[in-house]
Amino acid sequence: MTNISAREMLSRVQDGEQLNLLDVREKIEYHTYNIGGTNIPLPDLKDRLNELEWNKTDEIIVICKAGIRSATAKSVLELNGYNSVRNLTGGLLALQRHQ
């Protein structure tokens, strides 16, 4: 599945849509600033896939600070059967620039 731009994601949030967000930053980063969603740090993701409450066909948007860790997380999820995973291009930095 294609990535999602900060502009598209903001538009969907502003329209009141509930998105399935997976934040793969470290806990300290998540607690410092977050936009919600489930926080599972990238190094722990493979071992904690069972904690995800979404179906493998649900759209999941993976986020991190700049979009690099989330791109890796997208690959991990896809390798484990999730087929509607999107990476937030540019990460939270891009999102903050568009707010």
N, C-alpha and C. Protein backbone atom coordinates (compact mmCIF):
# COMPACT_ATOMS: atom_id res chain seq x y z
N MET A 1 0.86 -1.19 0.00
CA MET A 1 0.00 0.00 0.00
C MET A 1 0.90 1.25 0.00
N THR A 2 0.37 2.32 -0.52
CA THR A 2 1.16 3.54 -0.62
C THR A 2 1.33 4.22 0.73
N ASN A 3 2.29 5.10 0.81
CA ASN A 3 2.48 5.90 2.01
C ASN A 3 1.38 6.93 2.11
N ILE A 4 1.32 7.64 3.24
CA ILE A 4 0.33 8.70 3.41
C ILE A 4 1.08 9.99 3.72
N SER A 5 0.65 11.07 3.08
CA SER A 5 1.29 12.37 3.31
C SER A 5 0.72 13.01 4.57
N ALA A 6 1.48 13.93 5.13
CA ALA A 6 1.02 14.67 6.31
C ALA A 6 -0.27 15.42 5.99
N ARG A 7 -0.34 15.98 4.80
CA ARG A 7 -1.53 16.75 4.40
C ARG A 7 -2.78 15.86 4.36
N GLU A 8 -2.66 14.66 3.77
CA GLU A 8 -3.80 13.75 3.70
C GLU A 8 -4.22 13.29 5.09
N MET A 9 -3.23 12.96 5.92
CA MET A 9 -3.55 12.49 7.27
C MET A 9 -4.24 13.58 8.08
N LEU A 10 -3.73 14.80 8.02
CA LEU A 10 -4.36 15.91 8.75
C LEU A 10 -5.78 16.14 8.28
N SER A 11 -6.00 16.07 6.99
CA SER A 11 -7.33 16.25 6.43
C SER A 11 -8.30 15.20 6.97
N ARG A 12 -7.85 13.96 7.03
CA ARG A 12 -8.70 12.89 7.54
C ARG A 12 -8.99 13.06 9.02
N VAL A 13 -7.99 13.48 9.80
CA VAL A 13 -8.20 13.72 11.23
C VAL A 13 -9.18 14.88 11.43
N GLN A 14 -9.01 15.93 10.66
CA GLN A 14 -9.89 17.11 10.78
C GLN A 14 -11.32 16.77 10.38
N ASP A 15 -11.50 15.77 9.52
CA ASP A 15 -12.83 15.31 9.14
C ASP A 15 -13.45 14.39 10.19
N GLY A 16 -12.70 14.15 11.28
CA GLY A 16 -13.22 13.35 12.39
C GLY A 16 -13.00 11.85 12.24
N GLU A 17 -12.21 11.46 11.25
CA GLU A 17 -11.97 10.04 11.04
C GLU A 17 -11.08 9.47 12.15
N GLN A 18 -11.44 8.29 12.63
CA GLN A 18 -10.62 7.59 13.62
C GLN A 18 -9.61 6.72 12.87
N LEU A 19 -8.34 7.03 13.03
CA LEU A 19 -7.30 6.30 12.32
C LEU A 19 -6.61 5.30 13.24
N ASN A 20 -6.16 4.20 12.67
CA ASN A 20 -5.39 3.20 13.42
C ASN A 20 -3.92 3.61 13.34
N LEU A 21 -3.42 4.20 14.41
CA LEU A 21 -2.05 4.71 14.42
C LEU A 21 -1.15 3.81 15.26
N LEU A 22 0.01 3.50 14.70
CA LEU A 22 1.03 2.75 15.42
C LEU A 22 2.28 3.62 15.46
N ASP A 23 2.62 4.09 16.65
CA ASP A 23 3.78 4.95 16.87
C ASP A 23 4.95 4.07 17.30
N VAL A 24 6.01 4.03 16.48
CA VAL A 24 7.12 3.11 16.76
C VAL A 24 8.34 3.80 17.37
N ARG A 25 8.13 5.01 17.92
CA ARG A 25 9.22 5.70 18.61
C ARG A 25 9.41 5.09 20.00
N GLU A 26 10.52 5.43 20.63
CA GLU A 26 10.78 4.99 21.99
C GLU A 26 9.78 5.63 22.95
N LYS A 27 9.55 4.97 24.09
CA LYS A 27 8.54 5.44 25.05
C LYS A 27 8.77 6.89 25.48
N ILE A 28 10.01 7.30 25.72
CA ILE A 28 10.29 8.66 26.17
C ILE A 28 9.88 9.67 25.08
N GLU A 29 10.12 9.33 23.82
CA GLU A 29 9.70 10.20 22.72
C GLU A 29 8.18 10.30 22.67
N TYR A 30 7.53 9.16 22.83
CA TYR A 30 6.07 9.11 22.77
C TYR A 30 5.45 9.95 23.89
N HIS A 31 6.01 9.83 25.09
CA HIS A 31 5.45 10.57 26.22
C HIS A 31 5.78 12.05 26.17
N THR A 32 6.82 12.43 25.45
CA THR A 32 7.17 13.84 25.29
C THR A 32 6.20 14.54 24.35
N TYR A 33 5.85 13.86 23.25
CA TYR A 33 4.90 14.41 22.28
C TYR A 33 4.30 13.26 21.49
N ASN A 34 2.96 13.21 21.42
CA ASN A 34 2.33 12.19 20.59
C ASN A 34 0.97 12.69 20.10
N ILE A 35 0.47 12.01 19.09
CA ILE A 35 -0.86 12.33 18.55
C ILE A 35 -1.82 11.18 18.81
N GLY A 36 -1.47 10.35 19.77
CA GLY A 36 -2.32 9.21 20.10
C GLY A 36 -1.83 7.95 19.41
N GLY A 37 -2.65 6.94 19.45
CA GLY A 37 -2.29 5.67 18.83
C GLY A 37 -1.59 4.75 19.79
N THR A 38 -1.27 3.58 19.30
CA THR A 38 -0.59 2.55 20.07
C THR A 38 0.92 2.77 19.96
N ASN A 39 1.61 2.72 21.08
CA ASN A 39 3.06 2.91 21.08
C ASN A 39 3.75 1.58 21.32
N ILE A 40 4.44 1.09 20.29
CA ILE A 40 5.30 -0.08 20.41
C ILE A 40 6.62 0.30 19.73
N PRO A 41 7.68 0.51 20.51
CA PRO A 41 8.96 0.89 19.90
C PRO A 41 9.42 -0.14 18.86
N LEU A 42 10.01 0.36 17.78
CA LEU A 42 10.42 -0.50 16.67
C LEU A 42 11.21 -1.74 17.10
N PRO A 43 12.21 -1.62 18.01
CA PRO A 43 12.97 -2.83 18.38
C PRO A 43 12.10 -3.92 19.00
N ASP A 44 10.95 -3.55 19.55
CA ASP A 44 10.06 -4.52 20.23
C ASP A 44 8.95 -5.04 19.32
N LEU A 45 8.80 -4.46 18.14
CA LEU A 45 7.61 -4.72 17.33
C LEU A 45 7.41 -6.19 16.99
N LYS A 46 8.44 -6.88 16.51
CA LYS A 46 8.29 -8.28 16.12
C LYS A 46 7.76 -9.13 17.26
N ASP A 47 8.25 -8.87 18.47
CA ASP A 47 7.86 -9.66 19.63
C ASP A 47 6.52 -9.25 20.22
N ARG A 48 5.97 -8.12 19.78
CA ARG A 48 4.73 -7.62 20.38
C ARG A 48 3.59 -7.49 19.37
N LEU A 49 3.70 -8.14 18.22
CA LEU A 49 2.64 -8.06 17.21
C LEU A 49 1.30 -8.53 17.76
N ASN A 50 1.33 -9.46 18.70
CA ASN A 50 0.09 -9.97 19.29
C ASN A 50 -0.68 -8.90 20.07
N GLU A 51 -0.03 -7.78 20.39
CA GLU A 51 -0.70 -6.70 21.13
C GLU A 51 -1.53 -5.80 20.21
N LEU A 52 -1.32 -5.92 18.91
CA LEU A 52 -2.08 -5.08 17.98
C LEU A 52 -3.53 -5.53 17.97
N GLU A 53 -4.44 -4.57 18.05
CA GLU A 53 -5.86 -4.89 18.15
C GLU A 53 -6.57 -4.78 16.80
N TRP A 54 -5.80 -4.68 15.73
CA TRP A 54 -6.41 -4.51 14.41
C TRP A 54 -6.35 -5.80 13.62
N ASN A 55 -7.26 -5.92 12.66
CA ASN A 55 -7.24 -7.05 11.73
C ASN A 55 -6.12 -6.82 10.72
N LYS A 56 -5.68 -7.89 10.10
CA LYS A 56 -4.59 -7.77 9.13
C LYS A 56 -5.02 -7.04 7.86
N THR A 57 -6.33 -6.82 7.69
CA THR A 57 -6.82 -6.09 6.52
C THR A 57 -7.15 -4.63 6.84
N ASP A 58 -7.12 -4.25 8.12
CA ASP A 58 -7.39 -2.86 8.51
C ASP A 58 -6.26 -1.95 8.06
N GLU A 59 -6.61 -0.71 7.69
CA GLU A 59 -5.57 0.27 7.39
C GLU A 59 -4.87 0.64 8.70
N ILE A 60 -3.55 0.54 8.69
CA ILE A 60 -2.74 0.94 9.84
C ILE A 60 -1.75 1.98 9.34
N ILE A 61 -1.69 3.11 10.03
CA ILE A 61 -0.73 4.16 9.68
C ILE A 61 0.39 4.12 10.72
N VAL A 62 1.60 3.87 10.23
CA VAL A 62 2.77 3.76 11.11
C VAL A 62 3.48 5.10 11.13
N ILE A 63 3.79 5.58 12.35
CA ILE A 63 4.41 6.90 12.50
C ILE A 63 5.65 6.85 13.39
N CYS A 64 6.56 7.78 13.12
CA CYS A 64 7.73 7.99 13.97
C CYS A 64 8.12 9.46 13.81
N LYS A 65 9.30 9.82 14.20
CA LYS A 65 9.70 11.22 14.14
C LYS A 65 9.87 11.72 12.71
N ALA A 66 10.59 10.96 11.88
CA ALA A 66 10.91 11.44 10.53
C ALA A 66 10.48 10.51 9.41
N GLY A 67 9.90 9.36 9.74
CA GLY A 67 9.43 8.45 8.71
C GLY A 67 10.37 7.32 8.37
N ILE A 68 11.52 7.24 9.04
CA ILE A 68 12.50 6.20 8.73
C ILE A 68 12.20 4.92 9.51
N ARG A 69 12.04 5.04 10.82
CA ARG A 69 11.71 3.86 11.63
C ARG A 69 10.34 3.30 11.23
N SER A 70 9.42 4.19 10.92
CA SER A 70 8.08 3.73 10.54
C SER A 70 8.11 2.99 9.20
N ALA A 71 9.01 3.36 8.30
CA ALA A 71 9.16 2.63 7.04
C ALA A 71 9.61 1.20 7.31
N THR A 72 10.53 1.04 8.26
CA THR A 72 10.99 -0.29 8.66
C THR A 72 9.84 -1.07 9.30
N ALA A 73 9.08 -0.41 10.16
CA ALA A 73 7.94 -1.05 10.82
C ALA A 73 6.90 -1.49 9.81
N LYS A 74 6.69 -0.69 8.79
CA LYS A 74 5.75 -1.05 7.71
C LYS A 74 6.17 -2.37 7.09
N SER A 75 7.46 -2.53 6.82
CA SER A 75 7.97 -3.78 6.25
C SER A 75 7.76 -4.96 7.19
N VAL A 76 8.01 -4.74 8.49
CA VAL A 76 7.82 -5.80 9.48
C VAL A 76 6.36 -6.26 9.48
N LEU A 77 5.45 -5.30 9.49
CA LEU A 77 4.03 -5.65 9.50
C LEU A 77 3.63 -6.39 8.22
N GLU A 78 4.09 -5.91 7.08
CA GLU A 78 3.75 -6.56 5.82
C GLU A 78 4.29 -7.98 5.76
N LEU A 79 5.50 -8.19 6.27
CA LEU A 79 6.08 -9.54 6.30
C LEU A 79 5.29 -10.47 7.21
N ASN A 80 4.50 -9.89 8.12
CA ASN A 80 3.69 -10.68 9.04
C ASN A 80 2.21 -10.70 8.66
N GLY A 81 1.93 -10.37 7.40
CA GLY A 81 0.58 -10.56 6.87
C GLY A 81 -0.34 -9.36 6.89
N TYR A 82 0.11 -8.23 7.40
CA TYR A 82 -0.72 -7.02 7.38
C TYR A 82 -0.62 -6.41 5.98
N ASN A 83 -1.77 -6.18 5.34
CA ASN A 83 -1.70 -5.78 3.94
C ASN A 83 -2.25 -4.40 3.63
N SER A 84 -2.54 -3.61 4.64
CA SER A 84 -3.02 -2.23 4.42
C SER A 84 -2.24 -1.26 5.30
N VAL A 85 -0.92 -1.37 5.26
CA VAL A 85 -0.06 -0.56 6.11
C VAL A 85 0.45 0.64 5.32
N ARG A 86 0.37 1.82 5.95
CA ARG A 86 0.85 3.04 5.31
C ARG A 86 1.83 3.74 6.25
N ASN A 87 2.90 4.26 5.68
CA ASN A 87 3.91 5.00 6.44
C ASN A 87 3.63 6.49 6.29
N LEU A 88 3.65 7.23 7.40
CA LEU A 88 3.50 8.69 7.35
C LEU A 88 4.79 9.28 6.80
N THR A 89 4.74 9.75 5.56
CA THR A 89 5.91 10.32 4.90
C THR A 89 6.40 11.55 5.66
N GLY A 90 7.67 11.53 6.05
CA GLY A 90 8.25 12.65 6.78
C GLY A 90 7.97 12.63 8.27
N GLY A 91 7.15 11.68 8.71
CA GLY A 91 6.87 11.49 10.12
C GLY A 91 6.18 12.66 10.81
N LEU A 92 6.30 12.67 12.12
CA LEU A 92 5.66 13.72 12.92
C LEU A 92 6.22 15.10 12.62
N LEU A 93 7.47 15.17 12.17
CA LEU A 93 8.04 16.46 11.79
C LEU A 93 7.25 17.08 10.64
N ALA A 94 6.91 16.26 9.65
CA ALA A 94 6.12 16.75 8.51
C ALA A 94 4.72 17.15 8.97
N LEU A 95 4.16 16.37 9.87
CA LEU A 95 2.81 16.67 10.38
C LEU A 95 2.81 18.01 11.11
N GLN A 96 3.81 18.25 11.92
CA GLN A 96 3.89 19.51 12.66
C GLN A 96 4.05 20.70 11.70
N ARG A 97 4.76 20.52 10.61
CA ARG A 97 4.94 21.61 9.63
C ARG A 97 3.63 21.98 8.95
N HIS A 98 2.70 21.03 8.87
CA HIS A 98 1.43 21.27 8.17
C HIS A 98 0.31 21.71 9.10
N GLN A 99 0.56 21.77 10.39
CA GLN A 99 -0.50 22.15 11.33
C GLN A 99 -0.63 23.64 11.41
